Amino acid sequence: MPHKDYYEILGVDKKASKEDIKKAFRKLAHQYHPDKKDGNEARFKEASDAYSVLSDDKKRAEYDAYGRVFSGAGGAQGGAGFDGFDFSGFQQGGFEDFDIGDIFGDIFGGGRERQRRGRDISIDLTISFKDSVFGIERKILVTKTSNCEVCEGSGAESGSEMESCNACNGKGQIHETRSSLLGTFTSVRTCTTCGGAGKVPKVKCKSCKGHGVLRKEQEIAVAIPAGINDGEMIRLTGAGEALKGAVSGDLYIKIHVEPHERFRKEGNNLVTELSVKLSDALLGSDYSLETLEGAITVKVPAGVSVGEILRVRGKGIPNRAGVRGDLLIKIKVPLPKKLSRSAKKKVEELREEGI
């Protein structure tokens, strides 16, 4: 039976570039690999044969000219079945630039293990509006797995010697070999007995039972920067969960800022309101305004308008460089609901003057 067209198998045009062909094969390899739950051995073998030809310039030229490859094209041209598939073809038949680990890493667990590290943890911290403006240092209590202070994370009792780990023969790593339809694969993982150190204590630490870590409550100082906003995160590297023989995780602190009854943030500016009597709005006056740093005197100019913004420079929120924004004061002029006879007469006189 004649084989299916290689271009059709990979779903690419006959003018497709080598990069397009590689992308198409990668997609099919992920989809049909036989070691996957929903894999398809025949479709994977078919795609592998097509890629081995179309990724090689010489073989592709022969295939385009004659519909077959004389220099050897894989199983579809009369070679052995999939059970005899030579995985070394990935280095010989145009696969030399293909990252096999990219395709099979999720199936076999990969040949290399990523750096071990402790678990990241997160907490919520509520601060006052004033502290969010000027910054503050807070101490928090966190219950987490930390390095044992008695043995300093070694797991050994004081004065005890270390000996070679029998589980990994002192190498700190465990090599596991697995076989599949594509051949034999070796994966490497950190030895859980020694935590990758290759050595274990002869006498275990009584405090942590030889684990090198233990769960406890720990006080941590947190420097909250000036100008932090509600919902922002602070990351403390290495302040997360500890893991024997590995890097500790990180601690993430989500900041919640309590609202203020008189102030709000607008970028690096602080915004508030000031109620001014009608007469003072017309004639001008000095007002005392209580700020986050104490009372200041605000000069209200004559003829100020309702909603007008008065700006006090340098009294706002510090940015990361320490430069402060401004204090913006929005003028409110509440009107009296009732007027005395004399007040009413004066207002009528103002109206007659066109005011």
Protein backbone atom coordinates (compact mmCIF):
# COMPACT_ATOMS: atom_id res chain seq x y z
CA MET A 1 0.00 0.00 0.00
CA PRO A 2 1.48 3.41 -0.93
CA HIS A 3 2.40 5.60 2.01
CA LYS A 4 0.55 8.80 2.85
CA ASP A 5 2.05 12.07 1.60
CA TYR A 6 4.58 13.36 4.13
CA TYR A 7 3.46 16.97 3.75
CA GLU A 8 -0.13 15.91 4.37
CA ILE A 9 0.91 13.94 7.45
CA LEU A 10 2.52 17.01 9.04
CA GLY A 11 -0.22 19.32 7.77
CA VAL A 12 2.15 21.70 5.97
CA ASP A 13 2.47 23.10 2.47
CA LYS A 14 5.14 21.78 0.08
CA LYS A 15 6.80 25.20 0.26
CA ALA A 16 6.93 25.09 4.07
CA SER A 17 10.16 26.20 5.72
CA LYS A 18 12.22 23.91 7.96
CA GLU A 19 11.00 25.89 10.96
CA ASP A 20 7.37 25.34 9.96
CA ILE A 21 8.04 21.63 9.54
CA LYS A 22 9.68 21.44 12.96
CA LYS A 23 6.76 23.24 14.61
CA ALA A 24 4.27 20.93 12.94
CA PHE A 25 6.13 17.80 14.09
CA ARG A 26 6.46 19.11 17.64
CA LYS A 27 2.71 19.63 17.82
CA LEU A 28 1.96 16.12 16.53
CA ALA A 29 4.60 14.53 18.80
CA HIS A 30 2.98 16.08 21.85
CA GLN A 31 -0.43 14.93 20.68
CA TYR A 32 0.25 11.34 19.60
CA HIS A 33 3.20 10.12 21.68
CA PRO A 34 2.37 6.48 22.57
CA ASP A 35 3.41 6.83 26.20
CA LYS A 36 0.71 9.43 26.71
CA LYS A 37 -2.73 8.38 27.92
CA ASP A 38 -4.45 9.33 24.69
CA GLY A 39 -1.43 8.71 22.45
CA ASN A 40 -1.44 6.97 19.08
CA GLU A 41 1.61 4.86 18.25
CA ALA A 42 0.87 4.63 14.53
CA ARG A 43 0.27 8.35 14.07
CA PHE A 44 3.41 9.20 16.06
CA LYS A 45 5.54 6.80 13.97
CA GLU A 46 4.03 8.26 10.82
CA ALA A 47 4.86 11.83 11.89
CA SER A 48 8.40 10.80 12.91
CA ASP A 49 9.07 9.26 9.51
CA ALA A 50 7.74 12.35 7.74
CA TYR A 51 9.85 14.68 9.83
CA SER A 52 13.03 12.60 9.39
CA VAL A 53 12.72 13.11 5.62
CA LEU A 54 11.36 16.67 5.31
CA SER A 55 13.81 18.09 7.84
CA ASP A 56 16.79 16.82 5.85
CA ASP A 57 17.55 18.86 2.71
CA LYS A 58 18.94 15.92 0.70
CA LYS A 59 16.16 13.51 1.59
CA ARG A 60 13.52 16.15 1.00
CA ALA A 61 14.90 16.91 -2.45
CA GLU A 62 14.79 13.20 -3.36
CA TYR A 63 11.28 12.88 -1.99
CA ASP A 64 10.05 15.93 -3.90
CA ALA A 65 11.60 14.61 -7.13
CA TYR A 66 10.76 10.89 -6.98
CA GLY A 67 8.18 10.45 -4.24
CA ARG A 68 10.62 8.30 -2.29
CA VAL A 69 14.06 8.52 -0.66
CA PHE A 70 16.97 6.42 -1.88
CA SER A 71 19.33 7.34 0.98
CA GLY A 72 17.01 5.89 3.62
CA ALA A 73 13.87 7.45 4.96
CA GLY A 74 12.80 5.39 7.93
CA GLY A 75 10.17 2.71 8.51
CA ALA A 76 7.59 4.04 6.05
CA GLN A 77 9.91 3.20 3.15
CA GLY A 78 10.10 -0.46 4.01
CA GLY A 79 12.19 -0.37 7.18
CA ALA A 80 11.44 -2.08 10.46
CA GLY A 81 8.26 -1.45 12.42
CA PHE A 82 7.99 0.88 15.37
CA ASP A 83 9.38 -1.68 17.79
CA GLY A 84 12.65 -1.49 15.84
CA PHE A 85 12.70 2.27 15.54
CA ASP A 86 16.21 3.59 16.08
CA PHE A 87 15.99 6.61 18.35
CA SER A 88 19.45 7.67 17.24
CA GLY A 89 17.77 8.93 14.08
CA PHE A 90 16.97 12.06 16.00
CA GLN A 91 20.66 12.89 15.77
CA GLN A 92 21.20 11.63 12.21
CA GLY A 93 18.16 12.27 10.05
CA GLY A 94 17.75 16.04 10.41
CA PHE A 95 16.87 15.97 14.12
CA GLU A 96 20.18 17.37 15.34
CA ASP A 97 18.65 20.80 16.06
CA PHE A 98 15.49 19.46 17.65
CA ASP A 99 15.05 19.65 21.41
CA ILE A 100 13.81 16.20 22.31
CA GLY A 101 13.49 17.17 25.96
CA ASP A 102 10.97 19.80 24.92
CA ILE A 103 8.68 17.08 23.56
CA PHE A 104 9.27 14.19 25.96
CA GLY A 105 10.07 16.02 29.20
CA ASP A 106 6.46 15.91 30.35
CA ILE A 107 6.29 12.16 29.60
CA PHE A 108 9.52 10.87 31.10
CA GLY A 109 10.11 13.54 33.75
CA GLY A 110 13.18 14.89 31.99
CA GLY A 111 16.81 13.90 32.32
CA ARG A 112 17.69 16.76 34.67
CA GLU A 113 16.00 17.90 37.85
CA ARG A 114 15.30 21.54 38.51
CA GLN A 115 16.88 23.16 41.52
CA ARG A 116 15.07 22.10 44.67
CA ARG A 117 13.62 24.87 46.79
CA GLY A 118 11.21 25.26 49.63
CA ARG A 119 7.59 26.21 49.18
CA ASP A 120 6.55 29.83 48.72
CA ILE A 121 4.03 31.13 51.23
CA SER A 122 1.84 34.22 51.33
CA ILE A 123 0.12 36.23 54.03
CA ASP A 124 -2.09 39.32 54.22
CA LEU A 125 -1.11 42.40 56.22
CA THR A 126 -3.35 45.38 56.99
CA ILE A 127 -1.76 48.79 57.64
CA SER A 128 -3.11 52.27 58.32
CA PHE A 129 -3.46 54.88 55.58
CA LYS A 130 -0.76 57.00 57.22
CA ASP A 131 1.70 54.08 57.32
CA SER A 132 1.06 53.45 53.63
CA VAL A 133 2.03 57.05 52.89
CA PHE A 134 5.21 57.32 54.94
CA GLY A 135 6.23 53.66 55.26
CA ILE A 136 6.83 51.64 58.40
CA GLU A 137 8.63 48.55 59.68
CA ARG A 138 6.32 45.88 61.03
CA LYS A 139 7.12 42.62 62.77
CA ILE A 140 4.95 39.67 61.89
CA LEU A 141 4.66 36.14 63.26
CA VAL A 142 4.63 33.37 60.68
CA THR A 143 4.27 29.66 61.40
CA LYS A 144 6.35 27.82 58.81
CA THR A 145 9.04 25.21 58.25
CA SER A 146 12.39 26.77 59.12
CA ASN A 147 15.98 25.59 59.40
CA CYS A 148 16.78 24.02 62.74
CA GLU A 149 18.80 26.49 64.80
CA VAL A 150 20.34 23.74 66.94
CA CYS A 151 22.02 21.83 64.09
CA GLU A 152 21.94 24.75 61.62
CA GLY A 153 20.07 22.61 59.10
CA SER A 154 22.53 19.70 59.00
CA GLY A 155 20.27 17.30 60.90
CA ALA A 156 23.23 16.11 63.02
CA GLU A 157 23.53 16.20 66.78
CA SER A 158 26.25 18.53 68.01
CA GLY A 159 29.65 16.79 67.71
CA SER A 160 28.28 13.99 65.55
CA GLU A 161 30.14 13.00 62.40
CA MET A 162 28.59 12.73 58.97
CA GLU A 163 28.72 9.50 56.96
CA SER A 164 28.04 8.61 53.34
CA CYS A 165 24.38 8.17 52.42
CA ASN A 166 23.59 4.54 51.60
CA ALA A 167 20.54 5.42 49.49
CA CYS A 168 22.56 7.30 46.85
CA ASN A 169 26.05 5.99 47.65
CA GLY A 170 27.14 9.46 48.63
CA LYS A 171 26.30 11.03 45.26
CA GLY A 172 23.30 13.05 46.43
CA GLN A 173 21.31 11.96 43.39
CA ILE A 174 19.28 8.95 42.40
CA HIS A 175 19.47 7.77 38.79
CA GLU A 176 16.38 5.94 37.58
CA THR A 177 16.28 4.10 34.25
CA ARG A 178 13.00 3.51 32.45
CA SER A 179 12.26 1.81 29.19
CA SER A 180 9.69 2.85 26.61
CA LEU A 181 8.82 2.21 23.02
CA LEU A 182 11.44 4.76 21.99
CA GLY A 183 14.27 3.25 23.98
CA THR A 184 15.80 3.58 27.44
CA PHE A 185 15.72 6.85 29.36
CA THR A 186 17.54 7.82 32.52
CA SER A 187 16.19 10.49 34.87
CA VAL A 188 17.96 12.07 37.82
CA ARG A 189 16.39 13.20 41.07
CA THR A 190 17.73 14.48 44.36
CA CYS A 191 18.10 11.86 47.03
CA THR A 192 15.38 12.38 49.62
CA THR A 193 17.33 10.56 52.32
CA CYS A 194 20.26 13.00 52.42
CA GLY A 195 18.56 15.93 50.72
CA GLY A 196 21.21 15.98 48.00
CA ALA A 197 24.13 16.40 50.41
CA GLY A 198 25.44 12.86 49.89
CA LYS A 199 25.98 12.50 53.63
CA VAL A 200 23.78 11.76 56.63
CA PRO A 201 24.51 12.21 60.34
CA LYS A 202 25.57 9.26 62.43
CA VAL A 203 23.58 10.72 65.33
CA LYS A 204 20.43 12.67 64.46
CA CYS A 205 19.69 16.06 65.98
CA LYS A 206 17.27 15.65 68.88
CA SER A 207 15.57 18.95 68.12
CA CYS A 208 14.59 18.26 64.50
CA LYS A 209 14.90 14.44 64.53
CA GLY A 210 17.56 14.64 61.82
CA HIS A 211 15.33 16.46 59.32
CA GLY A 212 17.37 19.69 59.46
CA VAL A 213 14.11 21.65 59.47
CA LEU A 214 11.16 21.94 61.80
CA ARG A 215 7.86 23.77 61.89
CA LYS A 216 7.76 26.72 64.26
CA GLU A 217 6.54 30.26 64.76
CA GLN A 218 9.05 32.84 63.55
CA GLU A 219 9.13 36.62 63.90
CA ILE A 220 10.01 38.42 60.66
CA ALA A 221 10.67 42.14 60.22
CA VAL A 222 8.99 43.65 57.17
CA ALA A 223 10.05 47.05 55.82
CA ILE A 224 6.97 48.57 54.18
CA PRO A 225 8.06 51.27 51.72
CA ALA A 226 6.55 54.75 51.66
CA GLY A 227 3.85 55.20 49.06
CA ILE A 228 2.73 51.58 48.91
CA ASN A 229 -0.78 51.06 47.58
CA ASP A 230 -3.61 48.80 48.58
CA GLY A 231 -3.20 45.34 47.02
CA GLU A 232 0.54 45.59 46.35
CA MET A 233 2.81 42.65 47.18
CA ILE A 234 6.10 42.62 49.06
CA ARG A 235 8.44 39.69 48.36
CA LEU A 236 10.95 38.53 50.95
CA THR A 237 13.41 36.20 49.22
CA GLY A 238 14.28 33.11 51.26
CA ALA A 239 11.72 33.83 53.98
CA GLY A 240 9.36 31.06 52.87
CA GLU A 241 9.39 27.37 53.76
CA ALA A 242 12.80 25.81 54.34
CA LEU A 243 13.84 22.49 52.80
CA LYS A 244 16.85 20.46 53.90
CA GLY A 245 19.70 20.75 51.43
CA ALA A 246 17.80 23.23 49.27
CA VAL A 247 17.07 26.92 48.88
CA SER A 248 14.24 28.27 51.00
CA GLY A 249 11.12 29.54 49.28
CA ASP A 250 9.92 33.14 49.33
CA LEU A 251 7.42 34.96 51.48
CA TYR A 252 4.84 37.11 49.71
CA ILE A 253 3.01 39.76 51.76
CA LYS A 254 -0.14 41.29 50.32
CA ILE A 255 -0.75 44.77 51.71
CA HIS A 256 -4.23 46.01 52.59
CA VAL A 257 -4.51 49.75 53.31
CA GLU A 258 -7.28 50.96 55.60
CA PRO A 259 -9.25 53.86 54.08
CA HIS A 260 -8.94 57.32 55.65
CA GLU A 261 -11.97 59.39 56.54
CA ARG A 262 -10.52 62.63 55.13
CA PHE A 263 -7.71 61.76 52.72
CA ARG A 264 -7.37 59.71 49.55
CA LYS A 265 -4.53 59.03 47.12
CA GLU A 266 -4.31 60.33 43.59
CA GLY A 267 -0.99 59.17 42.19
CA ASN A 268 1.66 60.71 44.45
CA ASN A 269 -0.73 63.42 45.59
CA LEU A 270 -2.89 63.48 48.69
CA VAL A 271 -6.40 64.81 48.20
CA THR A 272 -8.68 66.26 50.87
CA GLU A 273 -11.52 68.79 51.20
CA LEU A 274 -11.84 72.06 53.10
CA SER A 275 -15.17 73.64 53.96
CA VAL A 276 -15.07 77.45 53.74
CA LYS A 277 -17.74 79.92 54.83
CA LEU A 278 -19.37 81.92 52.07
CA SER A 279 -18.05 85.18 53.48
CA ASP A 280 -14.51 83.80 53.65
CA ALA A 281 -14.82 82.53 50.10
CA LEU A 282 -15.70 86.06 49.03
CA LEU A 283 -13.23 87.94 51.21
CA GLY A 284 -10.48 85.39 51.80
CA SER A 285 -9.22 84.04 55.11
CA ASP A 286 -6.74 81.71 56.84
CA TYR A 287 -7.84 78.20 57.82
CA SER A 288 -6.18 75.57 59.97
CA LEU A 289 -6.10 72.15 58.34
CA GLU A 290 -5.14 68.95 60.17
CA THR A 291 -2.92 66.82 57.93
CA LEU A 292 -1.24 63.44 58.41
CA GLU A 293 1.78 65.33 59.80
CA GLY A 294 -0.03 67.83 62.01
CA ALA A 295 -1.86 71.12 61.50
CA ILE A 296 -0.95 73.60 58.77
CA THR A 297 -2.34 77.03 57.87
CA VAL A 298 -4.11 77.28 54.53
CA LYS A 299 -4.51 80.72 52.98
CA VAL A 300 -7.86 80.81 51.22
CA PRO A 301 -7.74 83.57 48.58
CA ALA A 302 -10.59 86.02 48.15
CA GLY A 303 -13.07 85.00 45.49
CA VAL A 304 -12.19 81.31 45.62
CA SER A 305 -14.63 79.14 43.67
CA VAL A 306 -16.50 76.07 44.79
CA GLY A 307 -14.48 73.00 43.71
CA GLU A 308 -11.31 74.99 43.18
CA ILE A 309 -8.09 73.13 44.10
CA LEU A 310 -5.49 74.71 46.37
CA ARG A 311 -2.07 73.06 46.14
CA VAL A 312 0.45 72.70 48.97
CA ARG A 313 3.65 71.50 47.36
CA GLY A 314 5.76 68.74 48.91
CA LYS A 315 3.08 67.55 51.33
CA GLY A 316 1.96 64.55 49.34
CA ILE A 317 3.14 60.95 49.03
CA PRO A 318 6.84 60.04 48.60
CA ASN A 319 7.69 58.05 45.48
CA ARG A 320 10.34 55.30 45.36
CA ALA A 321 13.03 57.98 44.91
CA GLY A 322 11.83 59.84 48.02
CA VAL A 323 10.37 62.78 46.06
CA ARG A 324 7.03 63.81 47.49
CA GLY A 325 3.91 64.78 45.64
CA ASP A 326 1.55 67.59 46.66
CA LEU A 327 -1.39 68.05 48.98
CA LEU A 328 -4.48 68.98 46.96
CA ILE A 329 -7.24 70.78 48.85
CA LYS A 330 -10.65 70.91 47.22
CA ILE A 331 -12.71 73.89 48.35
CA LYS A 332 -16.29 73.39 49.51
CA VAL A 333 -18.61 76.30 50.31
CA PRO A 334 -21.66 75.06 52.19
CA LEU A 335 -24.62 77.46 51.92
CA PRO A 336 -26.85 78.25 54.93
CA LYS A 337 -30.36 76.91 54.67
CA LYS A 338 -31.80 79.81 56.68
CA LEU A 339 -30.77 83.48 56.87
CA SER A 340 -31.45 86.00 59.60
CA ARG A 341 -33.24 89.19 58.61
CA SER A 342 -30.02 91.20 58.69
CA ALA A 343 -28.12 88.57 56.71
CA LYS A 344 -30.90 88.35 54.16
CA LYS A 345 -30.88 92.13 53.79
CA LYS A 346 -27.13 92.13 53.16
CA VAL A 347 -27.44 89.40 50.55
CA GLU A 348 -30.19 91.39 48.82
CA GLU A 349 -27.88 94.40 48.80
CA LEU A 350 -25.19 92.22 47.18
CA ARG A 351 -27.66 91.08 44.57
CA GLU A 352 -28.54 94.66 43.77
CA GLU A 353 -24.82 95.26 43.19
CA GLY A 354 -24.77 92.35 40.76
CA ILE A 355 -22.84 90.01 43.01
